[in-house]
């Protein structure tokens, strides 16, 4: 499995949306329970600012090689290593050797 080794710029944003099954009753009561084994996958919005053309090309080559299908190992700024997919990214070409890449990494659970 490939490992993403580039360090993002700060600020990095971590989002959580726990998986919960809810049942609402007619009298206003609600029952909630976690859904599944891995109930709180994380999503990270990352920016790679002021990157050289070479580093920009290497990051993009890594993401394009996985094509939002193949997961990769990555260690977030806060937390431990896990498996992630990147389903979207944007590149801003400001000038020679001055590039910005914005990505979203979504945690996945697989063997």
N, C-alpha and C. Protein backbone atom coordinates (compact mmCIF):
# COMPACT_ATOMS: atom_id res chain seq x y z
N UNK A 1 0.84 -1.17 0.00
CA UNK A 1 0.00 0.00 0.00
C UNK A 1 0.89 1.23 0.00
N UNK A 2 0.52 2.20 -0.80
CA UNK A 2 1.28 3.45 -0.92
C UNK A 2 1.05 4.32 0.32
N UNK A 3 2.05 5.13 0.63
CA UNK A 3 1.97 6.05 1.77
C UNK A 3 2.13 7.48 1.27
N UNK A 4 1.21 8.35 1.68
CA UNK A 4 1.28 9.76 1.33
C UNK A 4 2.18 10.43 2.37
N UNK A 5 3.30 11.00 1.93
CA UNK A 5 4.31 11.50 2.86
C UNK A 5 4.45 13.02 2.88
N UNK A 6 3.68 13.74 2.09
CA UNK A 6 3.82 15.20 2.03
C UNK A 6 3.13 15.84 3.23
N UNK A 7 3.75 16.86 3.78
CA UNK A 7 3.21 17.55 4.95
C UNK A 7 2.34 18.72 4.50
N UNK A 8 1.08 18.76 4.94
CA UNK A 8 0.21 19.86 4.54
C UNK A 8 0.59 21.15 5.27
N UNK A 9 0.16 22.26 4.70
CA UNK A 9 0.33 23.55 5.35
C UNK A 9 -0.75 23.69 6.42
N UNK A 10 -0.56 24.61 7.32
CA UNK A 10 -1.61 24.86 8.31
C UNK A 10 -2.33 26.12 7.89
N UNK A 11 -3.61 26.13 7.95
CA UNK A 11 -4.43 25.34 8.81
C UNK A 11 -4.99 24.12 8.09
N UNK A 12 -5.20 23.06 8.84
CA UNK A 12 -5.83 21.84 8.34
C UNK A 12 -7.14 21.67 9.11
N UNK A 13 -8.18 21.21 8.42
CA UNK A 13 -9.49 21.09 9.06
C UNK A 13 -9.91 19.63 9.13
N UNK A 14 -10.24 19.19 10.33
CA UNK A 14 -10.73 17.83 10.56
C UNK A 14 -12.24 17.90 10.79
N UNK A 15 -12.99 17.07 10.06
CA UNK A 15 -14.45 17.03 10.23
C UNK A 15 -14.88 15.64 10.65
N UNK A 16 -15.86 15.58 11.55
CA UNK A 16 -16.41 14.32 12.01
C UNK A 16 -17.93 14.33 11.82
N UNK A 17 -18.45 13.19 11.44
CA UNK A 17 -19.89 13.01 11.38
C UNK A 17 -20.17 11.55 11.75
N UNK A 18 -20.30 11.28 13.07
CA UNK A 18 -20.50 9.90 13.52
C UNK A 18 -21.73 9.26 12.86
N UNK A 19 -21.60 7.97 12.57
CA UNK A 19 -22.72 7.23 11.98
C UNK A 19 -23.66 6.79 13.09
N UNK A 20 -24.86 7.31 13.02
CA UNK A 20 -25.86 7.05 14.06
C UNK A 20 -27.17 6.67 13.39
N UNK A 21 -27.81 5.66 13.93
CA UNK A 21 -29.15 5.26 13.49
C UNK A 21 -30.15 5.88 14.48
N UNK A 22 -31.17 6.59 13.95
CA UNK A 22 -32.14 7.27 14.81
C UNK A 22 -33.55 6.77 14.51
N UNK A 23 -34.31 6.66 15.56
CA UNK A 23 -35.74 6.35 15.44
C UNK A 23 -36.48 7.42 16.22
N UNK A 24 -37.43 8.09 15.57
CA UNK A 24 -38.23 9.10 16.24
C UNK A 24 -39.64 8.57 16.45
N UNK A 25 -40.11 8.76 17.66
CA UNK A 25 -41.45 8.31 18.01
C UNK A 25 -42.41 9.48 17.95
N UNK A 26 -43.67 9.19 17.82
CA UNK A 26 -44.69 10.22 17.65
C UNK A 26 -44.83 11.16 18.83
N UNK A 27 -44.42 10.74 20.01
CA UNK A 27 -44.59 11.58 21.19
C UNK A 27 -43.37 12.46 21.47
N UNK A 28 -42.46 12.58 20.49
CA UNK A 28 -41.31 13.45 20.64
C UNK A 28 -40.05 12.76 21.13
N UNK A 29 -40.15 11.53 21.55
CA UNK A 29 -38.97 10.81 22.01
C UNK A 29 -38.16 10.34 20.81
N UNK A 30 -36.89 10.20 21.04
CA UNK A 30 -35.97 9.76 19.99
C UNK A 30 -34.98 8.75 20.57
N UNK A 31 -34.70 7.70 19.81
CA UNK A 31 -33.71 6.71 20.23
C UNK A 31 -32.57 6.73 19.22
N UNK A 32 -31.32 6.74 19.73
CA UNK A 32 -30.13 6.78 18.88
C UNK A 32 -29.19 5.64 19.25
N UNK A 33 -28.53 5.09 18.23
CA UNK A 33 -27.52 4.04 18.46
C UNK A 33 -26.46 4.16 17.37
N UNK A 34 -25.24 3.83 17.73
CA UNK A 34 -24.18 3.85 16.72
C UNK A 34 -24.48 2.81 15.66
N UNK A 35 -24.00 3.09 14.45
CA UNK A 35 -24.30 2.23 13.31
C UNK A 35 -23.00 1.69 12.75
N UNK A 36 -22.79 0.37 12.84
CA UNK A 36 -21.59 -0.25 12.30
C UNK A 36 -20.45 -0.32 13.31
N UNK A 37 -19.32 -0.84 12.84
CA UNK A 37 -18.16 -1.01 13.71
C UNK A 37 -17.30 0.25 13.81
N UNK A 38 -17.09 0.91 12.70
CA UNK A 38 -16.26 2.10 12.64
C UNK A 38 -17.18 3.30 12.48
N UNK A 39 -17.55 3.88 13.59
CA UNK A 39 -18.66 4.82 13.60
C UNK A 39 -18.27 6.29 13.40
N UNK A 40 -17.00 6.61 13.38
CA UNK A 40 -16.63 8.03 13.29
C UNK A 40 -15.45 8.25 12.34
N UNK A 41 -15.65 8.02 11.03
CA UNK A 41 -14.57 8.28 10.08
C UNK A 41 -14.31 9.79 9.99
N UNK A 42 -13.07 10.15 9.81
CA UNK A 42 -12.68 11.56 9.73
C UNK A 42 -12.54 11.99 8.28
N UNK A 43 -12.75 13.28 8.05
CA UNK A 43 -12.49 13.88 6.75
C UNK A 43 -11.62 15.10 7.00
N UNK A 44 -10.52 15.17 6.25
CA UNK A 44 -9.58 16.27 6.40
C UNK A 44 -9.57 17.14 5.15
N UNK A 45 -9.68 18.45 5.34
CA UNK A 45 -9.50 19.42 4.27
C UNK A 45 -8.09 19.97 4.44
N UNK A 46 -7.26 19.74 3.44
CA UNK A 46 -5.83 20.07 3.53
C UNK A 46 -5.42 21.01 2.42
N UNK A 47 -4.47 21.87 2.72
CA UNK A 47 -3.89 22.78 1.74
C UNK A 47 -2.38 22.58 1.74
N UNK A 48 -1.84 22.50 0.56
CA UNK A 48 -0.39 22.41 0.36
C UNK A 48 0.02 23.71 -0.34
N UNK A 49 0.47 24.68 0.43
CA UNK A 49 0.73 26.03 -0.09
C UNK A 49 2.19 26.22 -0.46
N UNK A 50 2.42 27.13 -1.41
CA UNK A 50 3.75 27.57 -1.81
C UNK A 50 4.68 26.40 -2.16
N UNK A 51 4.17 25.48 -2.98
CA UNK A 51 4.94 24.30 -3.38
C UNK A 51 5.64 24.56 -4.70
N UNK A 52 6.80 23.96 -4.85
CA UNK A 52 7.53 24.08 -6.11
C UNK A 52 6.78 23.31 -7.19
N UNK A 53 7.15 23.55 -8.44
CA UNK A 53 6.52 22.82 -9.54
C UNK A 53 6.77 21.32 -9.41
N UNK A 54 7.97 20.95 -8.98
CA UNK A 54 8.31 19.53 -8.82
C UNK A 54 7.47 18.88 -7.73
N UNK A 55 7.36 19.53 -6.58
CA UNK A 55 6.56 18.97 -5.50
C UNK A 55 5.09 18.92 -5.88
N UNK A 56 4.60 19.96 -6.55
CA UNK A 56 3.22 19.96 -7.06
C UNK A 56 2.99 18.76 -7.96
N UNK A 57 3.90 18.53 -8.90
CA UNK A 57 3.75 17.41 -9.83
C UNK A 57 3.78 16.07 -9.11
N UNK A 58 4.62 15.95 -8.08
CA UNK A 58 4.71 14.69 -7.33
C UNK A 58 3.44 14.42 -6.54
N UNK A 59 2.89 15.45 -5.91
CA UNK A 59 1.63 15.29 -5.16
C UNK A 59 0.51 14.90 -6.11
N UNK A 60 0.40 15.62 -7.23
CA UNK A 60 -0.66 15.32 -8.20
C UNK A 60 -0.50 13.92 -8.80
N UNK A 61 0.73 13.52 -9.08
CA UNK A 61 0.97 12.18 -9.63
C UNK A 61 0.52 11.11 -8.64
N UNK A 62 0.78 11.34 -7.35
CA UNK A 62 0.35 10.39 -6.32
C UNK A 62 -1.17 10.28 -6.31
N UNK A 63 -1.87 11.42 -6.29
CA UNK A 63 -3.33 11.41 -6.23
C UNK A 63 -3.94 10.84 -7.50
N UNK A 64 -3.41 11.22 -8.65
CA UNK A 64 -3.94 10.74 -9.92
C UNK A 64 -3.70 9.25 -10.12
N UNK A 65 -2.61 8.72 -9.59
CA UNK A 65 -2.33 7.28 -9.71
C UNK A 65 -3.37 6.46 -8.96
N UNK A 66 -3.93 7.00 -7.87
CA UNK A 66 -4.95 6.29 -7.11
C UNK A 66 -6.35 6.57 -7.64
N UNK A 67 -6.52 7.67 -8.34
CA UNK A 67 -7.75 8.00 -9.06
C UNK A 67 -9.02 7.88 -8.22
N UNK A 68 -8.92 8.25 -6.94
CA UNK A 68 -10.06 8.24 -6.00
C UNK A 68 -10.62 6.85 -5.74
N UNK A 69 -9.90 5.82 -6.15
CA UNK A 69 -10.37 4.44 -5.96
C UNK A 69 -9.49 3.71 -4.96
N UNK A 70 -8.21 3.78 -5.14
CA UNK A 70 -7.26 3.06 -4.29
C UNK A 70 -6.96 3.88 -3.05
N UNK A 71 -7.03 3.23 -1.90
CA UNK A 71 -6.71 3.92 -0.65
C UNK A 71 -5.20 3.99 -0.46
N UNK A 72 -4.79 4.83 0.47
CA UNK A 72 -3.37 4.98 0.79
C UNK A 72 -3.23 5.22 2.29
N UNK A 73 -2.05 4.97 2.80
CA UNK A 73 -1.76 5.23 4.21
C UNK A 73 -1.38 6.69 4.38
N UNK A 74 -1.85 7.29 5.48
CA UNK A 74 -1.52 8.68 5.78
C UNK A 74 -1.68 8.91 7.27
N UNK A 75 -0.80 9.71 7.84
CA UNK A 75 -0.89 10.07 9.25
C UNK A 75 -1.32 11.53 9.35
N UNK A 76 -2.52 11.78 9.88
CA UNK A 76 -3.01 13.16 9.98
C UNK A 76 -2.24 13.95 11.03
N UNK A 77 -2.36 15.28 10.98
CA UNK A 77 -1.66 16.12 11.96
C UNK A 77 -2.04 15.79 13.40
N UNK A 78 -3.26 15.38 13.61
CA UNK A 78 -3.73 15.00 14.95
C UNK A 78 -4.28 13.58 14.86
N UNK A 79 -3.54 12.63 15.35
CA UNK A 79 -4.06 11.27 15.31
C UNK A 79 -3.01 10.28 14.87
N UNK A 80 -3.48 9.07 14.63
CA UNK A 80 -2.58 8.01 14.22
C UNK A 80 -2.84 7.62 12.77
N UNK A 81 -1.93 6.87 12.21
CA UNK A 81 -2.00 6.49 10.79
C UNK A 81 -3.30 5.73 10.50
N UNK A 82 -3.79 5.93 9.28
CA UNK A 82 -4.99 5.25 8.84
C UNK A 82 -5.00 5.15 7.33
N UNK A 83 -6.08 4.61 6.81
CA UNK A 83 -6.27 4.48 5.37
C UNK A 83 -7.22 5.58 4.91
N UNK A 84 -6.86 6.23 3.80
CA UNK A 84 -7.63 7.36 3.29
C UNK A 84 -7.78 7.26 1.78
N UNK A 85 -8.79 7.94 1.27
CA UNK A 85 -8.93 8.16 -0.17
C UNK A 85 -9.06 9.66 -0.38
N UNK A 86 -8.62 10.11 -1.53
CA UNK A 86 -8.78 11.51 -1.92
C UNK A 86 -9.65 11.52 -3.17
N UNK A 87 -10.86 12.05 -3.02
CA UNK A 87 -11.82 12.04 -4.12
C UNK A 87 -11.89 13.37 -4.86
N UNK A 88 -11.24 14.39 -4.32
CA UNK A 88 -11.22 15.67 -5.02
C UNK A 88 -10.01 16.49 -4.61
N UNK A 89 -9.50 17.25 -5.58
CA UNK A 89 -8.39 18.16 -5.33
C UNK A 89 -8.43 19.27 -6.35
N UNK A 90 -7.84 20.40 -5.98
CA UNK A 90 -7.77 21.57 -6.85
C UNK A 90 -6.36 22.12 -6.82
N UNK A 91 -5.91 22.63 -7.94
CA UNK A 91 -4.57 23.19 -8.05
C UNK A 91 -4.68 24.65 -8.48
N UNK A 92 -3.95 25.51 -7.79
CA UNK A 92 -3.85 26.91 -8.17
C UNK A 92 -2.41 27.19 -8.56
N UNK A 93 -2.21 27.59 -9.80
CA UNK A 93 -0.88 27.89 -10.32
C UNK A 93 -0.69 29.40 -10.25
N UNK A 94 0.01 29.87 -9.25
CA UNK A 94 0.19 31.31 -9.07
C UNK A 94 1.32 31.85 -9.93
N UNK A 95 2.44 31.17 -9.92
CA UNK A 95 3.59 31.52 -10.76
C UNK A 95 4.56 30.36 -10.72
N UNK A 96 5.66 30.48 -11.40
CA UNK A 96 6.66 29.41 -11.42
C UNK A 96 7.12 29.10 -9.99
N UNK A 97 7.04 27.84 -9.62
CA UNK A 97 7.45 27.35 -8.29
C UNK A 97 6.66 27.98 -7.15
N UNK A 98 5.41 28.34 -7.39
CA UNK A 98 4.57 28.92 -6.36
C UNK A 98 3.14 28.42 -6.60
N UNK A 99 2.87 27.19 -6.12
CA UNK A 99 1.63 26.49 -6.40
C UNK A 99 0.90 26.15 -5.10
N UNK A 100 -0.42 26.02 -5.20
CA UNK A 100 -1.23 25.62 -4.06
C UNK A 100 -2.14 24.48 -4.49
N UNK A 101 -2.22 23.44 -3.65
CA UNK A 101 -3.12 22.30 -3.89
C UNK A 101 -4.05 22.20 -2.69
N UNK A 102 -5.35 22.07 -2.97
CA UNK A 102 -6.34 21.86 -1.92
C UNK A 102 -6.95 20.48 -2.12
N UNK A 103 -7.06 19.72 -1.02
CA UNK A 103 -7.55 18.34 -1.10
C UNK A 103 -8.55 18.06 0.02
N UNK A 104 -9.26 16.95 -0.16
CA UNK A 104 -10.08 16.38 0.91
C UNK A 104 -9.71 14.91 1.02
N UNK A 105 -9.23 14.52 2.20
CA UNK A 105 -8.90 13.12 2.49
C UNK A 105 -10.01 12.56 3.36
N UNK A 106 -10.58 11.42 2.95
CA UNK A 106 -11.64 10.77 3.70
C UNK A 106 -11.15 9.43 4.23
N UNK A 107 -11.31 9.22 5.53
CA UNK A 107 -10.86 7.97 6.14
C UNK A 107 -11.76 6.82 5.70
N UNK A 108 -11.15 5.69 5.37
CA UNK A 108 -11.89 4.49 4.97
C UNK A 108 -11.42 3.32 5.81
N UNK A 109 -12.25 2.32 5.90
CA UNK A 109 -11.92 1.12 6.68
C UNK A 109 -11.98 -0.07 5.73
N UNK A 110 -10.86 -0.71 5.58
CA UNK A 110 -10.76 -1.89 4.71
C UNK A 110 -9.61 -2.75 5.20
N UNK A 111 -9.60 -4.00 4.81
CA UNK A 111 -8.54 -4.91 5.29
C UNK A 111 -7.17 -4.53 4.77
